[in-house]
Protein backbone atom coordinates (compact mmCIF):
# COMPACT_ATOMS: atom_id res chain seq x y z
CA MET A 1 76.18 106.18 -138.83
CA PRO A 2 73.39 108.21 -140.45
CA TYR A 3 69.87 107.71 -139.15
CA VAL A 4 66.93 108.83 -141.30
CA ASN A 5 63.37 108.81 -139.96
CA ILE A 6 60.64 109.15 -142.58
CA LYS A 7 57.14 109.74 -141.22
CA ILE A 8 54.08 109.30 -143.40
CA THR A 9 50.38 109.09 -142.65
CA LYS A 10 49.11 105.55 -142.22
CA GLU A 11 46.37 105.04 -144.75
CA GLY A 12 47.07 101.57 -146.06
CA ASN A 13 47.97 102.78 -149.53
CA VAL A 14 51.76 102.68 -149.31
CA THR A 15 53.08 99.44 -150.73
CA ALA A 16 56.10 97.44 -149.63
CA GLU A 17 57.69 98.33 -152.97
CA GLN A 18 57.22 102.05 -152.34
CA LYS A 19 58.73 101.72 -148.86
CA ALA A 20 61.69 99.84 -150.32
CA ALA A 21 62.16 102.65 -152.86
CA LEU A 22 62.11 105.25 -150.05
CA ILE A 23 64.73 103.31 -148.10
CA LYS A 24 66.92 102.86 -151.15
CA GLY A 25 66.52 106.48 -152.25
CA ALA A 26 67.24 107.99 -148.83
CA THR A 27 70.30 105.79 -148.46
CA GLN A 28 71.58 106.73 -151.91
CA LEU A 29 71.02 110.43 -151.21
CA LEU A 30 73.30 110.22 -148.17
CA VAL A 31 75.89 108.36 -150.23
CA ASP A 32 75.76 110.92 -153.05
CA VAL A 33 75.65 114.11 -150.98
CA LEU A 34 77.56 113.27 -147.81
CA HIS A 35 79.62 110.28 -149.00
CA LYS A 36 78.20 108.10 -146.22
CA ASN A 37 78.64 104.36 -146.12
CA PRO A 38 75.36 102.71 -147.17
CA ALA A 39 76.15 99.69 -145.01
CA THR A 40 75.89 101.82 -141.87
CA THR A 41 72.97 104.03 -142.94
CA VAL A 42 69.73 103.36 -141.08
CA VAL A 43 66.36 104.34 -142.56
CA ILE A 44 63.17 104.00 -140.53
CA ILE A 45 59.69 104.53 -141.97
CA GLU A 46 57.01 105.33 -139.41
CA GLU A 47 53.35 105.32 -140.35
CA VAL A 48 51.32 107.70 -138.20
CA GLU A 49 47.54 107.48 -137.87
CA THR A 50 45.86 110.52 -139.42
CA ASP A 51 44.18 111.26 -136.05
CA ASN A 52 47.69 111.69 -134.60
CA TRP A 53 49.00 114.05 -137.30
CA GLY A 54 47.98 117.68 -137.08
CA ILE A 55 48.43 120.60 -139.45
CA GLY A 56 47.40 124.12 -138.52
CA GLY A 57 45.64 122.96 -135.36
CA THR A 58 43.53 120.31 -137.09
CA SER A 59 44.11 116.59 -137.50
CA VAL A 60 44.66 115.21 -140.98
CA THR A 61 41.51 113.14 -140.50
CA GLU A 62 39.41 116.27 -139.94
CA ARG A 63 41.12 118.22 -142.74
CA ARG A 64 40.30 115.46 -145.21
CA LYS A 65 36.65 115.41 -144.10
CA GLN A 66 36.47 119.15 -144.83
CA GLN A 67 37.87 118.81 -148.36
């Protein structure tokens, strides 16, 4: 049973339709590449606050303020 965890920053701009497309696409990728059963493939999307996501020692929130 494949388990896919997609993490994205939580900014309120990802629609339900986009999330559905991610779930469908990730599932299909596992079907196409690894011949996995889509009925047993689990896809989780986690939205992480930008204060809790760091790159190069700086939070995404701070990086965006600097840009």
